[in-house]
Amino acid sequence: MKLLLDECSDRKFAREFVDHEMKTVPQMGWAGVKNNQLLALAEAEFDVFITVDRNLSFQQNLPQFDIAVIVLQAPSNRFAD
């Protein structure tokens, strides 16, 4: 499974998925790309998009994208949380 970790998430989190191919948004060269365009890019290459951006579902029409989106809920975007 190919996973993409949003740039607002702690990149240390990517090391926890040893059985999956995990990339970060900056590794893909997509840092700074807005959510709508980012999801369009992601759906072409990844199966799952992981973020801590709780507003994503309010800002984007997620069903229009052919990618699973996981929104992690934690007190902050730090790996420890």
PDB file of N, CA and C in Angstrom:
ATOM      1  N   MET A   1       0.844  -1.173   0.000  1.00  0.00           N
ATOM      2  CA  MET A   1       0.000   0.000   0.000  1.00  0.00           C
ATOM      3  C   MET A   1       0.889   1.236   0.000  1.00  0.00           C
ATOM      4  N   LYS A   2       0.521   2.208  -0.793  1.00  0.00           N
ATOM      5  CA  LYS A   2       1.292   3.441  -0.903  1.00  0.00           C
ATOM      6  C   LYS A   2       0.607   4.541  -0.096  1.00  0.00           C
ATOM      7  N   LEU A   3       1.364   5.096   0.866  1.00  0.00           N
ATOM      8  CA  LEU A   3       0.837   6.102   1.780  1.00  0.00           C
ATOM      9  C   LEU A   3       1.560   7.425   1.577  1.00  0.00           C
ATOM     10  N   LEU A   4       0.802   8.511   1.673  1.00  0.00           N
ATOM     11  CA  LEU A   4       1.379   9.853   1.587  1.00  0.00           C
ATOM     12  C   LEU A   4       1.080  10.591   2.881  1.00  0.00           C
ATOM     13  N   LEU A   5       2.128  11.107   3.529  1.00  0.00           N
ATOM     14  CA  LEU A   5       2.007  11.848   4.775  1.00  0.00           C
ATOM     15  C   LEU A   5       2.049  13.341   4.488  1.00  0.00           C
ATOM     16  N   ASP A   6       1.025  14.048   4.932  1.00  0.00           N
ATOM     17  CA  ASP A   6       0.924  15.490   4.700  1.00  0.00           C
ATOM     18  C   ASP A   6       2.087  16.233   5.348  1.00  0.00           C
ATOM     19  N   GLU A   7       2.423  17.376   4.810  1.00  0.00           N
ATOM     20  CA  GLU A   7       3.558  18.135   5.325  1.00  0.00           C
ATOM     21  C   GLU A   7       3.283  18.748   6.690  1.00  0.00           C
ATOM     22  N   CYS A   8       2.028  18.856   7.100  1.00  0.00           N
ATOM     23  CA  CYS A   8       1.725  19.407   8.429  1.00  0.00           C
ATOM     24  C   CYS A   8       1.853  18.342   9.515  1.00  0.00           C
ATOM     25  N   SER A   9       2.117  17.101   9.124  1.00  0.00           N
ATOM     26  CA  SER A   9       2.302  16.009  10.077  1.00  0.00           C
ATOM     27  C   SER A   9       3.793  15.801  10.326  1.00  0.00           C
ATOM     28  N   ASP A  10       4.121  15.353  11.522  1.00  0.00           N
ATOM     29  CA  ASP A  10       5.520  15.096  11.865  1.00  0.00           C
ATOM     30  C   ASP A  10       6.063  13.964  10.994  1.00  0.00           C
ATOM     31  N   ARG A  11       7.132  14.215  10.283  1.00  0.00           N
ATOM     32  CA  ARG A  11       7.660  13.216   9.342  1.00  0.00           C
ATOM     33  C   ARG A  11       8.198  11.969  10.035  1.00  0.00           C
ATOM     34  N   LYS A  12       8.454  12.051  11.348  1.00  0.00           N
ATOM     35  CA  LYS A  12       8.889  10.867  12.102  1.00  0.00           C
ATOM     36  C   LYS A  12       7.831   9.769  12.056  1.00  0.00           C
ATOM     37  N   PHE A  13       6.597  10.162  11.875  1.00  0.00           N
ATOM     38  CA  PHE A  13       5.487   9.223  11.794  1.00  0.00           C
ATOM     39  C   PHE A  13       5.667   8.249  10.629  1.00  0.00           C
ATOM     40  N   ALA A  14       6.309   8.683   9.582  1.00  0.00           N
ATOM     41  CA  ALA A  14       6.500   7.856   8.390  1.00  0.00           C
ATOM     42  C   ALA A  14       7.330   6.611   8.691  1.00  0.00           C
ATOM     43  N   ARG A  15       8.206   6.684   9.672  1.00  0.00           N
ATOM     44  CA  ARG A  15       9.048   5.529  10.017  1.00  0.00           C
ATOM     45  C   ARG A  15       8.261   4.387  10.650  1.00  0.00           C
ATOM     46  N   GLU A  16       7.058   4.641  11.096  1.00  0.00           N
ATOM     47  CA  GLU A  16       6.251   3.623  11.769  1.00  0.00           C
ATOM     48  C   GLU A  16       5.592   2.645  10.803  1.00  0.00           C
ATOM     49  N   PHE A  17       5.578   2.958   9.528  1.00  0.00           N
ATOM     50  CA  PHE A  17       4.903   2.128   8.530  1.00  0.00           C
ATOM     51  C   PHE A  17       5.928   1.340   7.715  1.00  0.00           C
ATOM     52  N   VAL A  18       6.586   0.393   8.356  1.00  0.00           N
ATOM     53  CA  VAL A  18       7.673  -0.340   7.709  1.00  0.00           C
ATOM     54  C   VAL A  18       7.173  -1.316   6.646  1.00  0.00           C
ATOM     55  N   ASP A  19       5.933  -1.751   6.740  1.00  0.00           N
ATOM     56  CA  ASP A  19       5.399  -2.712   5.767  1.00  0.00           C
ATOM     57  C   ASP A  19       4.705  -2.048   4.579  1.00  0.00           C
ATOM     58  N   HIS A  20       4.765  -0.732   4.514  1.00  0.00           N
ATOM     59  CA  HIS A  20       4.108   0.006   3.441  1.00  0.00           C
ATOM     60  C   HIS A  20       5.082   1.014   2.847  1.00  0.00           C
ATOM     61  N   GLU A  21       4.800   1.415   1.639  1.00  0.00           N
ATOM     62  CA  GLU A  21       5.603   2.458   1.012  1.00  0.00           C
ATOM     63  C   GLU A  21       5.055   3.804   1.461  1.00  0.00           C
ATOM     64  N   MET A  22       5.834   4.515   2.263  1.00  0.00           N
ATOM     65  CA  MET A  22       5.399   5.797   2.821  1.00  0.00           C
ATOM     66  C   MET A  22       6.302   6.899   2.304  1.00  0.00           C
ATOM     67  N   LYS A  23       5.690   7.947   1.781  1.00  0.00           N
ATOM     68  CA  LYS A  23       6.403   9.149   1.345  1.00  0.00           C
ATOM     69  C   LYS A  23       5.763  10.338   2.046  1.00  0.00           C
ATOM     70  N   THR A  24       6.531  11.407   2.162  1.00  0.00           N
ATOM     71  CA  THR A  24       5.984  12.655   2.685  1.00  0.00           C
ATOM     72  C   THR A  24       5.747  13.611   1.519  1.00  0.00           C
ATOM     73  N   VAL A  25       4.907  14.584   1.743  1.00  0.00           N
ATOM     74  CA  VAL A  25       4.627  15.575   0.705  1.00  0.00           C
ATOM     75  C   VAL A  25       5.925  16.265   0.260  1.00  0.00           C
ATOM     76  N   PRO A  26       6.802  16.698   1.187  1.00  0.00           N
ATOM     77  CA  PRO A  26       8.062  17.307   0.730  1.00  0.00           C
ATOM     78  C   PRO A  26       8.944  16.350  -0.074  1.00  0.00           C
ATOM     79  N   GLN A  27       8.975  15.064   0.286  1.00  0.00           N
ATOM     80  CA  GLN A  27       9.764  14.101  -0.481  1.00  0.00           C
ATOM     81  C   GLN A  27       9.281  14.019  -1.926  1.00  0.00           C
ATOM     82  N   MET A  28       8.012  14.225  -2.141  1.00  0.00           N
ATOM     83  CA  MET A  28       7.444  14.168  -3.484  1.00  0.00           C
ATOM     84  C   MET A  28       7.653  15.476  -4.240  1.00  0.00           C
ATOM     85  N   GLY A  29       8.173  16.503  -3.554  1.00  0.00           N
ATOM     86  CA  GLY A  29       8.370  17.802  -4.191  1.00  0.00           C
ATOM     87  C   GLY A  29       7.099  18.623  -4.245  1.00  0.00           C
ATOM     88  N   TRP A  30       6.146  18.288  -3.385  1.00  0.00           N
ATOM     89  CA  TRP A  30       4.845  18.947  -3.399  1.00  0.00           C
ATOM     90  C   TRP A  30       4.637  19.896  -2.218  1.00  0.00           C
ATOM     91  N   ALA A  31       5.683  20.249  -1.502  1.00  0.00           N
ATOM     92  CA  ALA A  31       5.558  21.163  -0.368  1.00  0.00           C
ATOM     93  C   ALA A  31       4.952  22.481  -0.832  1.00  0.00           C
ATOM     94  N   GLY A  32       4.008  22.978  -0.082  1.00  0.00           N
ATOM     95  CA  GLY A  32       3.373  24.246  -0.413  1.00  0.00           C
ATOM     96  C   GLY A  32       2.204  24.144  -1.379  1.00  0.00           C
ATOM     97  N   VAL A  33       1.966  22.961  -1.932  1.00  0.00           N
ATOM     98  CA  VAL A  33       0.839  22.780  -2.855  1.00  0.00           C
ATOM     99  C   VAL A  33      -0.457  22.802  -2.055  1.00  0.00           C
ATOM    100  N   LYS A  34      -1.441  23.523  -2.530  1.00  0.00           N
ATOM    101  CA  LYS A  34      -2.727  23.639  -1.830  1.00  0.00           C
ATOM    102  C   LYS A  34      -3.477  22.309  -1.838  1.00  0.00           C
ATOM    103  N   ASN A  35      -4.350  22.126  -0.856  1.00  0.00           N
ATOM    104  CA  ASN A  35      -5.019  20.844  -0.637  1.00  0.00           C
ATOM    105  C   ASN A  35      -5.726  20.270  -1.857  1.00  0.00           C
ATOM    106  N   ASN A  36      -6.466  21.081  -2.582  1.00  0.00           N
ATOM    107  CA  ASN A  36      -7.216  20.567  -3.729  1.00  0.00           C
ATOM    108  C   ASN A  36      -6.267  19.974  -4.772  1.00  0.00           C
ATOM    109  N   GLN A  37      -5.238  20.709  -5.119  1.00  0.00           N
ATOM    110  CA  GLN A  37      -4.259  20.227  -6.094  1.00  0.00           C
ATOM    111  C   GLN A  37      -3.445  19.070  -5.507  1.00  0.00           C
ATOM    112  N   LEU A  38      -3.130  19.152  -4.214  1.00  0.00           N
ATOM    113  CA  LEU A  38      -2.368  18.094  -3.563  1.00  0.00           C
ATOM    114  C   LEU A  38      -3.122  16.764  -3.599  1.00  0.00           C
ATOM    115  N   LEU A  39      -4.405  16.787  -3.312  1.00  0.00           N
ATOM    116  CA  LEU A  39      -5.200  15.560  -3.349  1.00  0.00           C
ATOM    117  C   LEU A  39      -5.294  15.005  -4.770  1.00  0.00           C
ATOM    118  N   ALA A  40      -5.363  15.871  -5.745  1.00  0.00           N
ATOM    119  CA  ALA A  40      -5.393  15.422  -7.140  1.00  0.00           C
ATOM    120  C   ALA A  40      -4.077  14.748  -7.518  1.00  0.00           C
ATOM    121  N   LEU A  41      -2.961  15.324  -7.093  1.00  0.00           N
ATOM    122  CA  LEU A  41      -1.660  14.708  -7.344  1.00  0.00           C
ATOM    123  C   LEU A  41      -1.539  13.378  -6.600  1.00  0.00           C
ATOM    124  N   ALA A  42      -1.968  13.380  -5.354  1.00  0.00           N
ATOM    125  CA  ALA A  42      -1.845  12.197  -4.508  1.00  0.00           C
ATOM    126  C   ALA A  42      -2.660  11.023  -5.027  1.00  0.00           C
ATOM    127  N   GLU A  43      -3.869  11.280  -5.502  1.00  0.00           N
ATOM    128  CA  GLU A  43      -4.723  10.177  -5.937  1.00  0.00           C
ATOM    129  C   GLU A  43      -4.144   9.437  -7.146  1.00  0.00           C
ATOM    130  N   ALA A  44      -3.288  10.110  -7.895  1.00  0.00           N
ATOM    131  CA  ALA A  44      -2.681   9.477  -9.069  1.00  0.00           C
ATOM    132  C   ALA A  44      -1.564   8.494  -8.699  1.00  0.00           C
ATOM    133  N   GLU A  45      -0.990   8.660  -7.498  1.00  0.00           N
ATOM    134  CA  GLU A  45       0.174   7.844  -7.139  1.00  0.00           C
ATOM    135  C   GLU A  45       0.052   7.081  -5.823  1.00  0.00           C
ATOM    136  N   PHE A  46      -0.941   7.420  -5.002  1.00  0.00           N
ATOM    137  CA  PHE A  46      -1.032   6.839  -3.660  1.00  0.00           C
ATOM    138  C   PHE A  46      -2.415   6.251  -3.394  1.00  0.00           C
ATOM    139  N   ASP A  47      -2.454   5.372  -2.388  1.00  0.00           N
ATOM    140  CA  ASP A  47      -3.712   4.759  -1.965  1.00  0.00           C
ATOM    141  C   ASP A  47      -4.341   5.499  -0.796  1.00  0.00           C
ATOM    142  N   VAL A  48      -3.484   6.083   0.071  1.00  0.00           N
ATOM    143  CA  VAL A  48      -3.962   6.720   1.301  1.00  0.00           C
ATOM    144  C   VAL A  48      -3.206   8.026   1.525  1.00  0.00           C
ATOM    145  N   PHE A  49      -3.951   9.049   1.954  1.00  0.00           N
ATOM    146  CA  PHE A  49      -3.381  10.341   2.341  1.00  0.00           C
ATOM    147  C   PHE A  49      -3.613  10.497   3.836  1.00  0.00           C
ATOM    148  N   ILE A  50      -2.535  10.727   4.603  1.00  0.00           N
ATOM    149  CA  ILE A  50      -2.621  10.853   6.058  1.00  0.00           C
ATOM    150  C   ILE A  50      -2.283  12.283   6.449  1.00  0.00           C
ATOM    151  N   THR A  51      -3.136  12.873   7.278  1.00  0.00           N
ATOM    152  CA  THR A  51      -2.952  14.262   7.682  1.00  0.00           C
ATOM    153  C   THR A  51      -3.436  14.468   9.113  1.00  0.00           C
ATOM    154  N   VAL A  52      -3.052  15.587   9.709  1.00  0.00           N
ATOM    155  CA  VAL A  52      -3.599  16.004  10.998  1.00  0.00           C
ATOM    156  C   VAL A  52      -4.485  17.232  10.814  1.00  0.00           C
ATOM    157  N   ASP A  53      -4.715  17.626   9.586  1.00  0.00           N
ATOM    158  CA  ASP A  53      -5.535  18.800   9.249  1.00  0.00           C
ATOM    159  C   ASP A  53      -7.016  18.463   9.431  1.00  0.00           C
ATOM    160  N   ARG A  54      -7.546  18.814  10.592  1.00  0.00           N
ATOM    161  CA  ARG A  54      -8.945  18.501  10.908  1.00  0.00           C
ATOM    162  C   ARG A  54      -9.943  19.266  10.049  1.00  0.00           C
ATOM    163  N   ASN A  55      -9.508  20.326   9.410  1.00  0.00           N
ATOM    164  CA  ASN A  55     -10.400  21.128   8.577  1.00  0.00           C
ATOM    165  C   ASN A  55     -10.486  20.629   7.139  1.00  0.00           C
ATOM    166  N   LEU A  56      -9.683  19.651   6.793  1.00  0.00           N
ATOM    167  CA  LEU A  56      -9.617  19.188   5.415  1.00  0.00           C
ATOM    168  C   LEU A  56     -10.989  18.783   4.875  1.00  0.00           C
ATOM    169  N   SER A  57     -11.755  18.055   5.656  1.00  0.00           N
ATOM    170  CA  SER A  57     -13.066  17.591   5.175  1.00  0.00           C
ATOM    171  C   SER A  57     -14.054  18.735   4.999  1.00  0.00           C
ATOM    172  N   PHE A  58     -13.832  19.853   5.672  1.00  0.00           N
ATOM    173  CA  PHE A  58     -14.698  21.019   5.514  1.00  0.00           C
ATOM    174  C   PHE A  58     -14.250  21.891   4.344  1.00  0.00           C
ATOM    175  N   GLN A  59     -12.967  21.803   4.004  1.00  0.00           N
ATOM    176  CA  GLN A  59     -12.405  22.635   2.948  1.00  0.00           C
ATOM    177  C   GLN A  59     -12.464  21.980   1.574  1.00  0.00           C
ATOM    178  N   GLN A  60     -12.520  20.655   1.545  1.00  0.00           N
ATOM    179  CA  GLN A  60     -12.462  19.930   0.273  1.00  0.00           C
ATOM    180  C   GLN A  60     -13.641  18.967   0.148  1.00  0.00           C
ATOM    181  N   ASN A  61     -14.041  18.694  -1.057  1.00  0.00           N
ATOM    182  CA  ASN A  61     -15.066  17.685  -1.342  1.00  0.00           C
ATOM    183  C   ASN A  61     -14.333  16.354  -1.506  1.00  0.00           C
ATOM    184  N   LEU A  62     -14.066  15.691  -0.390  1.00  0.00           N
ATOM    185  CA  LEU A  62     -13.229  14.493  -0.406  1.00  0.00           C
ATOM    186  C   LEU A  62     -13.762  13.362  -1.271  1.00  0.00           C
ATOM    187  N   PRO A  63     -15.086  13.146  -1.371  1.00  0.00           N
ATOM    188  CA  PRO A  63     -15.557  12.046  -2.226  1.00  0.00           C
ATOM    189  C   PRO A  63     -15.198  12.186  -3.709  1.00  0.00           C
ATOM    190  N   GLN A  64     -14.830  13.380  -4.139  1.00  0.00           N
ATOM    191  CA  GLN A  64     -14.469  13.550  -5.555  1.00  0.00           C
ATOM    192  C   GLN A  64     -13.090  12.973  -5.868  1.00  0.00           C
ATOM    193  N   PHE A  65     -12.307  12.672  -4.839  1.00  0.00           N
ATOM    194  CA  PHE A  65     -10.960  12.146  -5.032  1.00  0.00           C
ATOM    195  C   PHE A  65     -10.948  10.640  -4.808  1.00  0.00           C
ATOM    196  N   ASP A  66     -10.198   9.943  -5.638  1.00  0.00           N
ATOM    197  CA  ASP A  66     -10.106   8.488  -5.558  1.00  0.00           C
ATOM    198  C   ASP A  66      -8.906   8.104  -4.692  1.00  0.00           C
ATOM    199  N   ILE A  67      -8.968   8.506  -3.423  1.00  0.00           N
ATOM    200  CA  ILE A  67      -7.915   8.199  -2.463  1.00  0.00           C
ATOM    201  C   ILE A  67      -8.546   8.192  -1.071  1.00  0.00           C
ATOM    202  N   ALA A  68      -8.120   7.249  -0.244  1.00  0.00           N
ATOM    203  CA  ALA A  68      -8.586   7.228   1.147  1.00  0.00           C
ATOM    204  C   ALA A  68      -7.866   8.343   1.903  1.00  0.00           C
ATOM    205  N   VAL A  69      -8.594   9.001   2.791  1.00  0.00           N
ATOM    206  CA  VAL A  69      -8.016  10.073   3.590  1.00  0.00           C
ATOM    207  C   VAL A  69      -8.185   9.721   5.063  1.00  0.00           C
ATOM    208  N   ILE A  70      -7.082   9.737   5.790  1.00  0.00           N
ATOM    209  CA  ILE A  70      -7.100   9.494   7.227  1.00  0.00           C
ATOM    210  C   ILE A  70      -6.701  10.786   7.919  1.00  0.00           C
ATOM    211  N   VAL A  71      -7.580  11.276   8.794  1.00  0.00           N
ATOM    212  CA  VAL A  71      -7.295  12.481   9.575  1.00  0.00           C
ATOM    213  C   VAL A  71      -7.010  12.036  11.004  1.00  0.00           C
ATOM    214  N   LEU A  72      -5.776  12.196  11.427  1.00  0.00           N
ATOM    215  CA  LEU A  72      -5.379  11.822  12.779  1.00  0.00           C
ATOM    216  C   LEU A  72      -5.798  12.913  13.749  1.00  0.00           C
ATOM    217  N   GLN A  73      -6.373  12.519  14.857  1.00  0.00           N
ATOM    218  CA  GLN A  73      -6.772  13.492  15.866  1.00  0.00           C
ATOM    219  C   GLN A  73      -5.865  13.349  17.074  1.00  0.00           C
ATOM    220  N   ALA A  74      -5.110  14.392  17.342  1.00  0.00           N
ATOM    221  CA  ALA A  74      -4.169  14.420  18.457  1.00  0.00           C
ATOM    222  C   ALA A  74      -4.091  15.863  18.966  1.00  0.00           C
ATOM    223  N   PRO A  75      -3.597  16.052  20.171  1.00  0.00           N
ATOM    224  CA  PRO A  75      -3.493  17.408  20.709  1.00  0.00           C
ATOM    225  C   PRO A  75      -2.633  18.345  19.863  1.00  0.00           C
ATOM    226  N   SER A  76      -1.649  17.784  19.148  1.00  0.00           N
ATOM    227  CA  SER A  76      -0.799  18.583  18.279  1.00  0.00           C
ATOM    228  C   SER A  76      -0.317  17.709  17.119  1.00  0.00           C
ATOM    229  N   ASN A  77       0.498  18.269  16.263  1.00  0.00           N
ATOM    230  CA  ASN A  77       1.029  17.482  15.144  1.00  0.00           C
ATOM    231  C   ASN A  77       2.392  16.881  15.483  1.00  0.00           C
ATOM    232  N   ARG A  78       2.797  16.948  16.743  1.00  0.00           N
ATOM    233  CA  ARG A  78       4.062  16.352  17.173  1.00  0.00           C
ATOM    234  C   ARG A  78       3.941  14.837  17.210  1.00  0.00           C
ATOM    235  N   PHE A  79       5.006  14.150  16.863  1.00  0.00           N
ATOM    236  CA  PHE A  79       5.019  12.690  16.841  1.00  0.00           C
ATOM    237  C   PHE A  79       4.658  12.107  18.213  1.00  0.00           C
ATOM    238  N   ALA A  80       5.127  12.711  19.277  1.00  0.00           N
ATOM    239  CA  ALA A  80       4.865  12.198  20.625  1.00  0.00           C
ATOM    240  C   ALA A  80       3.374  12.160  20.952  1.00  0.00           C
ATOM    241  N   ASP A  81       2.611  13.087  20.382  1.00  0.00           N
ATOM    242  CA  ASP A  81       1.170  13.126  20.641  1.00  0.00           C
ATOM    243  C   ASP A  81       0.447  12.075  19.817  1.00  0.00           C
TER     244      ASP A  81
END
